[in-house]
Amino acid sequence: MTTLPTKAQIDAAPPLDFNQPRGEKQCNIQVELAPDGLHVRAEYTAGLSTIPAVIERLTALGIVELVQSSRPAPTASTNAPAGSQRAKAETVEFVPHGTACCPVHKRPLSDGQYGLYSSARAKPGEAANTKGYCALRFAE
């Protein structure tokens, strides 16, 4: 059975100071440097606020530079997977007032998530996407 404090003990207790900074809880932290070459793992126990100081210390010791220098040289196959070469962008025509237009439909281009595109419906014989709209895409 727990014993609760009495009214006299509660009244005699000092008031709580909620503005006082709290102590940071200690935790196990792992910092790992691994740019596909040399792997370095540093494990320590401290508060989360110490992470920037640890990164600075690893940099000062030269460990970050050592890991970066061990990075293997990029090859042609890692830069772009085979078959993923983009087609050359279609030439964009501009009307006198400066708006980019589709060279097929002569309509102003819309700005989409992946760049400019024509929002016109494709006619029979024209390049169309799976939904039946103009398949021409324009790189900026």
C-alpha atoms as a PDB file:
ATOM      1  CA  MET A   1       0.000   0.000   0.000  1.00  0.00           C
ATOM      2  CA  THR A   2       1.369   3.421  -0.942  1.00  0.00           C
ATOM      3  CA  THR A   3       1.455   6.215   1.537  1.00  0.00           C
ATOM      4  CA  LEU A   4       0.356   9.577   0.239  1.00  0.00           C
ATOM      5  CA  PRO A   5       1.809  12.814   1.646  1.00  0.00           C
ATOM      6  CA  THR A   6      -0.185  14.595   4.301  1.00  0.00           C
ATOM      7  CA  LYS A   7      -1.643  18.101   3.870  1.00  0.00           C
ATOM      8  CA  ALA A   8       1.101  19.519   6.102  1.00  0.00           C
ATOM      9  CA  GLN A   9       3.821  17.898   3.950  1.00  0.00           C
ATOM     10  CA  ILE A  10       2.243  19.289   0.779  1.00  0.00           C
ATOM     11  CA  ASP A  11       2.010  22.797   2.242  1.00  0.00           C
ATOM     12  CA  ALA A  12       5.642  22.627   3.439  1.00  0.00           C
ATOM     13  CA  ALA A  13       6.987  21.513   0.045  1.00  0.00           C
ATOM     14  CA  PRO A  14       8.743  24.180  -2.072  1.00  0.00           C
ATOM     15  CA  PRO A  15       6.819  25.335  -5.176  1.00  0.00           C
ATOM     16  CA  LEU A  16       7.635  23.688  -8.483  1.00  0.00           C
ATOM     17  CA  ASP A  17       9.687  25.757 -10.913  1.00  0.00           C
ATOM     18  CA  PHE A  18       8.396  24.942 -14.413  1.00  0.00           C
ATOM     19  CA  ASN A  19      10.800  27.407 -16.076  1.00  0.00           C
ATOM     20  CA  GLN A  20      13.869  25.523 -14.858  1.00  0.00           C
ATOM     21  CA  PRO A  21      15.607  23.645 -17.702  1.00  0.00           C
ATOM     22  CA  ARG A  22      15.173  19.928 -17.471  1.00  0.00           C
ATOM     23  CA  GLY A  23      18.056  17.518 -17.565  1.00  0.00           C
ATOM     24  CA  GLU A  24      18.414  15.791 -20.904  1.00  0.00           C
ATOM     25  CA  LYS A  25      17.754  12.069 -20.843  1.00  0.00           C
ATOM     26  CA  GLN A  26      20.756   9.953 -21.762  1.00  0.00           C
ATOM     27  CA  CYS A  27      20.382   7.614 -24.729  1.00  0.00           C
ATOM     28  CA  ASN A  28      22.517   5.357 -26.889  1.00  0.00           C
ATOM     29  CA  ILE A  29      23.385   7.053 -30.177  1.00  0.00           C
ATOM     30  CA  GLN A  30      24.989   5.550 -33.279  1.00  0.00           C
ATOM     31  CA  VAL A  31      26.567   7.732 -35.958  1.00  0.00           C
ATOM     32  CA  GLU A  32      27.375   5.779 -39.101  1.00  0.00           C
ATOM     33  CA  LEU A  33      29.334   7.066 -42.101  1.00  0.00           C
ATOM     34  CA  ALA A  34      29.076   4.814 -45.123  1.00  0.00           C
ATOM     35  CA  PRO A  35      29.097   6.249 -48.657  1.00  0.00           C
ATOM     36  CA  ASP A  36      29.285   2.793 -50.311  1.00  0.00           C
ATOM     37  CA  GLY A  37      32.929   2.400 -49.374  1.00  0.00           C
ATOM     38  CA  LEU A  38      34.462   2.466 -45.928  1.00  0.00           C
ATOM     39  CA  HIS A  39      31.911   2.050 -43.111  1.00  0.00           C
ATOM     40  CA  VAL A  40      32.578   3.773 -39.771  1.00  0.00           C
ATOM     41  CA  ARG A  41      30.203   3.481 -36.823  1.00  0.00           C
ATOM     42  CA  ALA A  42      30.592   5.525 -33.650  1.00  0.00           C
ATOM     43  CA  GLU A  43      28.463   4.519 -30.660  1.00  0.00           C
ATOM     44  CA  TYR A  44      28.176   6.599 -27.508  1.00  0.00           C
ATOM     45  CA  THR A  45      25.788   7.421 -24.683  1.00  0.00           C
ATOM     46  CA  ALA A  46      24.765  11.045 -24.268  1.00  0.00           C
ATOM     47  CA  GLY A  47      21.895  13.445 -24.843  1.00  0.00           C
ATOM     48  CA  LEU A  48      20.521  14.182 -28.297  1.00  0.00           C
ATOM     49  CA  SER A  49      21.852  17.729 -28.179  1.00  0.00           C
ATOM     50  CA  THR A  50      25.424  16.361 -28.388  1.00  0.00           C
ATOM     51  CA  ILE A  51      25.050  15.024 -31.947  1.00  0.00           C
ATOM     52  CA  PRO A  52      26.338  18.224 -33.675  1.00  0.00           C
ATOM     53  CA  ALA A  53      29.403  18.257 -31.402  1.00  0.00           C
ATOM     54  CA  VAL A  54      30.109  14.604 -32.194  1.00  0.00           C
ATOM     55  CA  ILE A  55      29.870  15.275 -35.948  1.00  0.00           C
ATOM     56  CA  GLU A  56      32.268  18.208 -35.520  1.00  0.00           C
ATOM     57  CA  ARG A  57      34.662  15.990 -33.568  1.00  0.00           C
ATOM     58  CA  LEU A  58      34.545  13.251 -36.239  1.00  0.00           C
ATOM     59  CA  THR A  59      35.269  15.906 -38.870  1.00  0.00           C
ATOM     60  CA  ALA A  60      38.173  17.320 -36.820  1.00  0.00           C
ATOM     61  CA  LEU A  61      39.651  13.831 -36.440  1.00  0.00           C
ATOM     62  CA  GLY A  62      39.553  13.385 -40.231  1.00  0.00           C
ATOM     63  CA  ILE A  63      37.144  10.463 -40.168  1.00  0.00           C
ATOM     64  CA  VAL A  64      34.560  12.161 -42.396  1.00  0.00           C
ATOM     65  CA  GLU A  65      37.236  12.984 -44.980  1.00  0.00           C
ATOM     66  CA  LEU A  66      38.594   9.427 -44.779  1.00  0.00           C
ATOM     67  CA  VAL A  67      35.162   7.956 -45.472  1.00  0.00           C
ATOM     68  CA  GLN A  68      34.499  10.384 -48.331  1.00  0.00           C
ATOM     69  CA  SER A  69      37.863   9.620 -49.934  1.00  0.00           C
ATOM     70  CA  SER A  70      37.082   5.900 -49.884  1.00  0.00           C
ATOM     71  CA  ARG A  71      33.964   6.424 -52.011  1.00  0.00           C
ATOM     72  CA  PRO A  72      34.243   4.333 -55.173  1.00  0.00           C
ATOM     73  CA  ALA A  73      34.406   6.167 -58.495  1.00  0.00           C
ATOM     74  CA  PRO A  74      31.008   6.391 -60.238  1.00  0.00           C
ATOM     75  CA  THR A  75      30.533   4.215 -63.275  1.00  0.00           C
ATOM     76  CA  ALA A  76      28.279   4.777 -66.253  1.00  0.00           C
ATOM     77  CA  SER A  77      25.873   2.079 -65.026  1.00  0.00           C
ATOM     78  CA  THR A  78      25.333   3.762 -61.631  1.00  0.00           C
ATOM     79  CA  ASN A  79      24.513   7.175 -63.116  1.00  0.00           C
ATOM     80  CA  ALA A  80      21.570   6.043 -65.241  1.00  0.00           C
ATOM     81  CA  PRO A  81      20.076   2.557 -65.563  1.00  0.00           C
ATOM     82  CA  ALA A  82      20.142   1.059 -69.037  1.00  0.00           C
ATOM     83  CA  GLY A  83      17.108   1.968 -71.112  1.00  0.00           C
ATOM     84  CA  SER A  84      16.198   4.980 -69.004  1.00  0.00           C
ATOM     85  CA  GLN A  85      17.633   7.550 -71.412  1.00  0.00           C
ATOM     86  CA  ARG A  86      15.092  10.311 -71.960  1.00  0.00           C
ATOM     87  CA  ALA A  87      13.991  11.131 -75.452  1.00  0.00           C
ATOM     88  CA  LYS A  88      15.093  14.473 -76.818  1.00  0.00           C
ATOM     89  CA  ALA A  89      12.623  17.188 -75.893  1.00  0.00           C
ATOM     90  CA  GLU A  90      10.336  18.556 -78.592  1.00  0.00           C
ATOM     91  CA  THR A  91      10.972  22.122 -79.691  1.00  0.00           C
ATOM     92  CA  VAL A  92       8.644  24.557 -77.971  1.00  0.00           C
ATOM     93  CA  GLU A  93       7.066  27.321 -80.031  1.00  0.00           C
ATOM     94  CA  PHE A  94       6.316  30.723 -78.579  1.00  0.00           C
ATOM     95  CA  VAL A  95       3.497  32.997 -79.610  1.00  0.00           C
ATOM     96  CA  PRO A  96       4.101  36.767 -79.806  1.00  0.00           C
ATOM     97  CA  HIS A  97       2.972  37.423 -76.225  1.00  0.00           C
ATOM     98  CA  GLY A  98       5.633  35.007 -74.894  1.00  0.00           C
ATOM     99  CA  THR A  99       3.561  31.973 -73.841  1.00  0.00           C
ATOM    100  CA  ALA A 100       4.976  28.546 -74.711  1.00  0.00           C
ATOM    101  CA  CYS A 101       2.664  26.568 -76.992  1.00  0.00           C
ATOM    102  CA  CYS A 102       2.407  22.966 -78.139  1.00  0.00           C
ATOM    103  CA  PRO A 103       3.860  22.693 -81.678  1.00  0.00           C
ATOM    104  CA  VAL A 104       1.091  20.241 -82.671  1.00  0.00           C
ATOM    105  CA  HIS A 105      -2.029  21.788 -81.103  1.00  0.00           C
ATOM    106  CA  LYS A 106      -0.884  25.457 -80.885  1.00  0.00           C
ATOM    107  CA  ARG A 107      -2.312  25.672 -77.355  1.00  0.00           C
ATOM    108  CA  PRO A 108      -0.532  27.180 -74.325  1.00  0.00           C
ATOM    109  CA  LEU A 109       1.403  24.626 -72.274  1.00  0.00           C
ATOM    110  CA  SER A 110       0.448  23.824 -68.689  1.00  0.00           C
ATOM    111  CA  ASP A 111       3.014  23.640 -65.881  1.00  0.00           C
ATOM    112  CA  GLY A 112       2.937  20.154 -64.352  1.00  0.00           C
ATOM    113  CA  GLN A 113       4.811  18.271 -61.685  1.00  0.00           C
ATOM    114  CA  TYR A 114       7.488  17.130 -64.157  1.00  0.00           C
ATOM    115  CA  GLY A 115       7.606  20.177 -66.422  1.00  0.00           C
ATOM    116  CA  LEU A 116       5.543  21.669 -69.220  1.00  0.00           C
ATOM    117  CA  TYR A 117       2.913  19.584 -71.006  1.00  0.00           C
ATOM    118  CA  SER A 118       0.124  19.994 -73.524  1.00  0.00           C
ATOM    119  CA  SER A 119      -3.339  19.410 -72.076  1.00  0.00           C
ATOM    120  CA  ALA A 120      -5.030  18.954 -75.489  1.00  0.00           C
ATOM    121  CA  ARG A 121      -6.836  15.762 -76.509  1.00  0.00           C
ATOM    122  CA  ALA A 122      -4.851  13.830 -79.115  1.00  0.00           C
ATOM    123  CA  LYS A 123      -6.476  13.339 -82.505  1.00  0.00           C
ATOM    124  CA  PRO A 124      -6.152  10.039 -84.406  1.00  0.00           C
ATOM    125  CA  GLY A 125      -2.583   9.609 -85.636  1.00  0.00           C
ATOM    126  CA  GLU A 126      -1.060  11.972 -83.053  1.00  0.00           C
ATOM    127  CA  ALA A 127       1.130  10.897 -80.136  1.00  0.00           C
ATOM    128  CA  ALA A 128      -1.225  10.111 -77.243  1.00  0.00           C
ATOM    129  CA  ASN A 129      -0.785   8.876 -73.686  1.00  0.00           C
ATOM    130  CA  THR A 130      -2.884   6.093 -72.138  1.00  0.00           C
ATOM    131  CA  LYS A 131      -5.702   8.537 -71.317  1.00  0.00           C
ATOM    132  CA  GLY A 132      -5.934   9.949 -74.847  1.00  0.00           C
ATOM    133  CA  TYR A 133      -4.217  13.291 -74.251  1.00  0.00           C
ATOM    134  CA  CYS A 134      -1.221  14.754 -76.103  1.00  0.00           C
ATOM    135  CA  ALA A 135       1.887  12.748 -75.176  1.00  0.00           C
ATOM    136  CA  LEU A 136       4.368  15.521 -75.934  1.00  0.00           C
ATOM    137  CA  ARG A 137       6.345  16.615 -72.854  1.00  0.00           C
ATOM    138  CA  PHE A 138       8.702  19.560 -72.747  1.00  0.00           C
ATOM    139  CA  ALA A 139      11.859  19.998 -70.686  1.00  0.00           C
ATOM    140  CA  GLU A 140      12.711  23.493 -69.519  1.00  0.00           C
END
